[in-house]
Amino acid sequence: MRQCDLLGVNRSSYYYEAARESPYNEHLMRQLDEQYTQTPFYGVLRMTQFLRNQGEDVNPKRVRRLLRKMGLAAIYPKPKFSPSSDNSRRYSYLLRGKAIERPHQVWSTDITYIRLEKGFIYLVAVIDWYSRYVLSWEVSNTLDVHFCLEALETALSQGTPEIFNTDQGSQFTSMAFTDRLLEGGIEISQDGRGRALDNIFVERLWRSLKYEEVYLKCYGSVAEAIQGIGDYFAFYNNERLHQSLNYETPATVHNRGCTSL
């Protein structure tokens, strides 16, 4: 479809059915999503108490399952890394104190939960750290690695980063994902477990997207969500002025930096 091409999203994504939970669980998930956006350091017990304060009769077991379903984990340093499985790899964080001076020096990616009127989807995006420019994005109704690989391939069609930073989610530690980066001669950097500030620019992107678009809308279908997210990212890249970019747009900074390379 021409619409998918214009929005920069894979055509197969347009035909996804929303992932579903029971109506009550989806009601809880909407509240958890908004609270997590405000307080990402809340763990299961605090989130459980938050919901109880809203009058919800929930226990930690339900809250833990829903947070995992949403791909959300509290942000705080963990004392140990979980052991790597045979089909995953762990890498060190390479960006602490590093000066970011040009486009395509560092890219990063992450996944977030997007609520719909009935059901939900997951969104992945790839962002350039220097310019905050959103290079690509995809949606899915599952948390498998395939839609992350599709977003990666779209981004790589626009350039090659020196370093690619991710969290330690199973999608990004998988051999399928890391092998694709290594094949391109790209250094891999991964956040410390539970340290979202290591990937701060993507976290800020999610906050902007949700407060300026998702929470103001009530997407009735996956197609509506794709249209709304695509429109927002076009605005974000080309019109939204960023204080951290001296009130220029990501596209202006990105294109100027690429021209000077």
Protein backbone atom coordinates (compact mmCIF):
# COMPACT_ATOMS: atom_id res chain seq x y z
CA MET A 1 0.00 0.00 0.00
CA ARG A 2 1.17 3.49 -0.89
CA GLN A 3 0.07 4.71 2.57
CA CYS A 4 2.49 2.31 4.28
CA ASP A 5 5.30 3.43 1.99
CA LEU A 6 4.62 7.08 2.83
CA LEU A 7 4.53 6.32 6.56
CA GLY A 8 7.75 4.31 6.35
CA VAL A 9 6.22 1.20 7.93
CA ASN A 10 6.25 -2.37 6.64
CA ARG A 11 3.07 -3.22 4.77
CA SER A 12 2.53 -6.45 6.71
CA SER A 13 2.22 -4.42 9.92
CA TYR A 14 -0.88 -2.68 8.55
CA TYR A 15 -2.86 -5.92 8.63
CA TYR A 16 -2.03 -6.95 12.20
CA GLU A 17 -4.88 -7.69 14.54
CA ALA A 18 -4.41 -6.08 17.95
CA ALA A 19 -3.13 -8.29 20.74
CA ARG A 20 -5.85 -8.83 23.32
CA GLU A 21 -6.32 -9.43 27.03
CA SER A 22 -9.57 -9.50 28.98
CA PRO A 23 -11.34 -6.10 29.07
CA TYR A 24 -10.45 -5.70 32.75
CA ASN A 25 -6.79 -6.54 32.19
CA GLU A 26 -6.65 -4.06 29.31
CA HIS A 27 -8.14 -1.46 31.65
CA LEU A 28 -5.37 -2.21 34.15
CA MET A 29 -2.70 -2.12 31.44
CA ARG A 30 -3.75 1.36 30.36
CA GLN A 31 -3.30 2.58 33.93
CA LEU A 32 0.04 0.80 34.29
CA ASP A 33 1.28 2.30 31.03
CA GLU A 34 0.47 5.87 32.08
CA GLN A 35 1.94 5.39 35.56
CA TYR A 36 5.10 3.78 34.18
CA THR A 37 5.59 6.73 31.83
CA GLN A 38 5.53 9.00 34.92
CA THR A 39 7.39 6.73 37.37
CA PRO A 40 9.46 4.10 35.51
CA PHE A 41 11.23 3.22 38.76
CA TYR A 42 8.06 1.66 40.24
CA GLY A 43 8.38 -2.10 40.63
CA VAL A 44 5.63 -4.69 40.99
CA LEU A 45 4.77 -3.88 44.61
CA ARG A 46 4.50 -0.13 44.05
CA MET A 47 2.48 -0.65 40.88
CA THR A 48 0.19 -3.00 42.78
CA GLN A 49 -0.36 -0.41 45.48
CA PHE A 50 -0.90 2.30 42.85
CA LEU A 51 -3.70 0.26 41.29
CA ARG A 52 -5.22 -0.49 44.70
CA ASN A 53 -5.22 3.24 45.41
CA GLN A 54 -7.30 3.63 42.25
CA GLY A 55 -9.82 1.18 43.67
CA GLU A 56 -8.63 -1.89 41.74
CA ASP A 57 -8.69 -5.29 43.44
CA VAL A 58 -5.36 -6.70 42.23
CA ASN A 59 -2.52 -8.81 43.58
CA PRO A 60 1.19 -8.69 42.73
CA LYS A 61 0.96 -11.87 40.64
CA ARG A 62 -1.47 -10.25 38.19
CA VAL A 63 0.48 -7.00 38.05
CA ARG A 64 3.76 -8.82 37.43
CA ARG A 65 2.24 -10.79 34.54
CA LEU A 66 0.73 -7.70 32.93
CA LEU A 67 3.96 -5.72 33.22
CA ARG A 68 5.84 -8.57 31.56
CA LYS A 69 3.17 -8.74 28.86
CA MET A 70 3.73 -5.03 28.24
CA GLY A 71 7.51 -5.39 28.20
CA LEU A 72 7.91 -3.05 31.19
CA ALA A 73 10.49 -3.43 33.94
CA ALA A 74 11.30 -1.07 36.79
CA ILE A 75 14.39 1.06 36.28
CA TYR A 76 16.97 0.44 38.99
CA PRO A 77 20.37 -1.24 38.92
CA LYS A 78 20.24 -5.00 39.46
CA PRO A 79 23.06 -6.68 41.41
CA LYS A 80 23.61 -9.46 38.84
CA PHE A 81 23.00 -10.10 35.19
CA SER A 82 20.85 -13.07 34.30
CA PRO A 83 22.83 -15.83 32.57
CA SER A 84 22.91 -15.70 28.78
CA SER A 85 21.03 -18.37 26.89
CA ASP A 86 22.60 -20.24 24.00
CA ASN A 87 20.94 -17.98 21.44
CA SER A 88 21.64 -14.61 23.07
CA ARG A 89 24.66 -12.41 23.71
CA ARG A 90 25.50 -9.67 26.21
CA TYR A 91 27.72 -6.68 25.50
CA SER A 92 29.14 -3.86 27.60
CA TYR A 93 27.77 -0.33 27.65
CA LEU A 94 30.12 1.78 25.49
CA LEU A 95 28.62 5.28 25.74
CA ARG A 96 29.32 6.47 29.28
CA GLY A 97 31.11 9.81 28.95
CA LYS A 98 31.37 9.50 25.17
CA ALA A 99 31.04 12.71 23.14
CA ILE A 100 28.38 12.37 20.42
CA GLU A 101 29.55 14.65 17.63
CA ARG A 102 27.94 13.57 14.34
CA PRO A 103 25.03 11.70 12.78
CA HIS A 104 25.36 7.93 12.39
CA GLN A 105 27.89 7.82 15.22
CA VAL A 106 25.42 6.19 17.62
CA TRP A 107 21.98 4.74 17.01
CA SER A 108 19.71 3.15 19.59
CA THR A 109 16.42 1.30 19.69
CA ASP A 110 13.72 0.24 22.12
CA ILE A 111 10.20 -1.22 22.26
CA THR A 112 7.15 0.33 23.89
CA TYR A 113 3.51 -0.64 24.50
CA ILE A 114 0.82 1.24 22.55
CA ARG A 115 -2.74 0.96 23.78
CA LEU A 116 -5.75 0.77 21.44
CA GLU A 117 -9.44 1.15 22.17
CA LYS A 118 -9.59 -2.65 22.30
CA GLY A 119 -6.27 -4.37 22.66
CA PHE A 120 -2.73 -3.18 22.14
CA ILE A 121 0.36 -3.39 19.92
CA TYR A 122 4.08 -2.97 20.38
CA LEU A 123 6.17 -0.27 18.72
CA VAL A 124 9.91 -0.34 18.00
CA ALA A 125 11.90 2.63 16.72
CA VAL A 126 15.51 3.34 15.76
CA ILE A 127 16.82 6.81 16.62
CA ASP A 128 20.04 8.67 15.84
CA TRP A 129 21.54 9.97 19.09
CA TYR A 130 23.18 13.07 17.63
CA SER A 131 20.11 14.50 15.91
CA ARG A 132 17.30 12.63 17.75
CA TYR A 133 16.07 11.77 14.25
CA VAL A 134 13.72 8.75 14.07
CA LEU A 135 15.26 6.63 11.32
CA SER A 136 12.66 3.87 11.26
CA TRP A 137 9.84 2.24 13.18
CA GLU A 138 7.61 -0.84 13.06
CA VAL A 139 4.65 -2.25 14.98
CA SER A 140 3.75 -5.80 15.94
CA ASN A 141 1.19 -7.69 18.01
CA THR A 142 3.92 -9.90 19.50
CA LEU A 143 7.30 -9.27 21.12
CA ASP A 144 9.27 -11.49 18.76
CA VAL A 145 12.44 -10.28 17.07
CA HIS A 146 11.11 -10.04 13.51
CA PHE A 147 9.63 -6.55 13.64
CA CYS A 148 12.82 -5.31 15.31
CA LEU A 149 14.84 -6.72 12.42
CA GLU A 150 12.52 -5.03 9.93
CA ALA A 151 13.06 -1.67 11.64
CA LEU A 152 16.82 -2.29 11.69
CA GLU A 153 16.93 -3.06 7.96
CA THR A 154 14.97 0.10 7.14
CA ALA A 155 17.36 2.18 9.23
CA LEU A 156 20.43 0.56 7.67
CA SER A 157 19.14 1.51 4.22
CA GLN A 158 19.83 5.13 5.28
CA GLY A 159 23.34 4.68 6.66
CA THR A 160 25.53 2.64 9.00
CA PRO A 161 26.17 3.61 12.63
CA GLU A 162 29.51 3.19 14.33
CA ILE A 163 27.80 2.02 17.55
CA PHE A 164 24.32 0.56 18.04
CA ASN A 165 22.92 0.74 21.58
CA THR A 166 20.06 -1.36 22.95
CA ASP A 167 18.72 -2.59 26.25
CA GLN A 168 19.13 -6.24 27.26
CA GLY A 169 15.75 -7.35 25.97
CA SER A 170 15.68 -10.79 24.40
CA GLN A 171 14.97 -9.30 20.96
CA PHE A 172 18.19 -7.28 21.00
CA THR A 173 20.44 -9.89 22.60
CA SER A 174 19.29 -12.56 20.14
CA MET A 175 21.84 -13.93 17.70
CA ALA A 176 19.59 -12.88 14.80
CA PHE A 177 19.80 -9.22 15.84
CA THR A 178 23.41 -9.10 17.03
CA ASP A 179 24.67 -11.07 14.02
CA ARG A 180 23.09 -8.53 11.68
CA LEU A 181 24.94 -5.71 13.45
CA LEU A 182 28.24 -7.55 13.49
CA GLU A 183 27.91 -8.35 9.77
CA GLY A 184 27.79 -4.60 9.16
CA GLY A 185 30.93 -3.97 11.22
CA ILE A 186 28.88 -2.15 13.87
CA GLU A 187 29.97 -2.07 17.52
CA ILE A 188 27.29 -3.24 19.92
CA SER A 189 26.54 -1.41 23.18
CA GLN A 190 23.96 -2.59 25.71
CA ASP A 191 22.47 -0.80 28.68
CA GLY A 192 23.17 -1.96 32.19
CA ARG A 193 20.26 -4.09 33.41
CA GLY A 194 17.48 -1.84 34.67
CA ARG A 195 19.26 1.37 33.62
CA ALA A 196 16.94 3.17 31.18
CA LEU A 197 19.01 6.36 31.50
CA ASP A 198 21.64 4.53 29.44
CA ASN A 199 19.18 4.82 26.54
CA ILE A 200 17.78 8.19 27.55
CA PHE A 201 16.98 9.59 24.10
CA VAL A 202 14.63 6.74 23.24
CA GLU A 203 12.98 7.04 26.65
CA ARG A 204 12.38 10.75 25.98
CA LEU A 205 10.97 9.89 22.55
CA TRP A 206 8.44 7.52 24.14
CA ARG A 207 7.35 10.15 26.65
CA SER A 208 6.86 12.72 23.90
CA LEU A 209 4.96 10.27 21.70
CA LYS A 210 2.63 9.18 24.48
CA TYR A 211 1.87 12.58 26.00
CA GLU A 212 1.63 14.43 22.68
CA GLU A 213 -0.12 11.73 20.61
CA VAL A 214 -1.13 8.37 22.09
CA TYR A 215 -2.80 9.57 25.31
CA LEU A 216 -4.71 12.24 23.38
CA LYS A 217 -6.14 9.71 20.92
CA CYS A 218 -8.18 6.54 21.16
CA TYR A 219 -6.98 4.39 18.29
CA GLY A 220 -9.80 2.11 17.19
CA SER A 221 -7.63 -0.20 15.12
CA VAL A 222 -4.04 -1.07 14.28
CA ALA A 223 -4.44 0.87 11.02
CA GLU A 224 -5.47 4.01 12.96
CA ALA A 225 -2.50 3.59 15.29
CA ILE A 226 -0.10 3.25 12.37
CA GLN A 227 -1.54 6.39 10.77
CA GLY A 228 -1.35 8.37 14.01
CA ILE A 229 2.15 7.23 14.92
CA GLY A 230 3.37 7.88 11.38
CA ASP A 231 1.92 11.37 11.40
CA TYR A 232 3.49 12.06 14.78
CA PHE A 233 6.95 10.88 13.77
CA ALA A 234 6.77 13.02 10.63
CA PHE A 235 5.93 16.00 12.88
CA TYR A 236 8.61 14.99 15.40
CA ASN A 237 11.34 14.76 12.76
CA ASN A 238 10.42 17.73 10.59
CA GLU A 239 8.49 20.28 12.67
CA ARG A 240 8.91 19.75 16.41
CA LEU A 241 11.53 22.14 17.81
CA HIS A 242 13.88 20.59 20.39
CA GLN A 243 15.36 22.68 23.16
CA SER A 244 18.36 20.33 23.32
CA LEU A 245 18.96 21.00 19.60
CA ASN A 246 18.94 24.78 20.04
CA TYR A 247 15.30 24.83 18.94
CA GLU A 248 15.98 23.19 15.61
CA THR A 249 14.24 20.07 14.29
CA PRO A 250 15.86 16.63 14.20
CA ALA A 251 15.67 16.62 10.40
CA THR A 252 17.52 19.95 10.14
CA VAL A 253 20.30 18.81 12.47
CA HIS A 254 20.51 15.35 10.90
CA ASN A 255 20.64 16.55 7.30
CA ARG A 256 23.15 19.30 8.03
CA GLY A 257 25.40 16.86 9.89
CA CYS A 258 25.18 14.27 7.10
CA THR A 259 26.06 16.91 4.49
CA SER A 260 29.21 17.85 6.38
CA LEU A 261 30.44 14.25 6.72
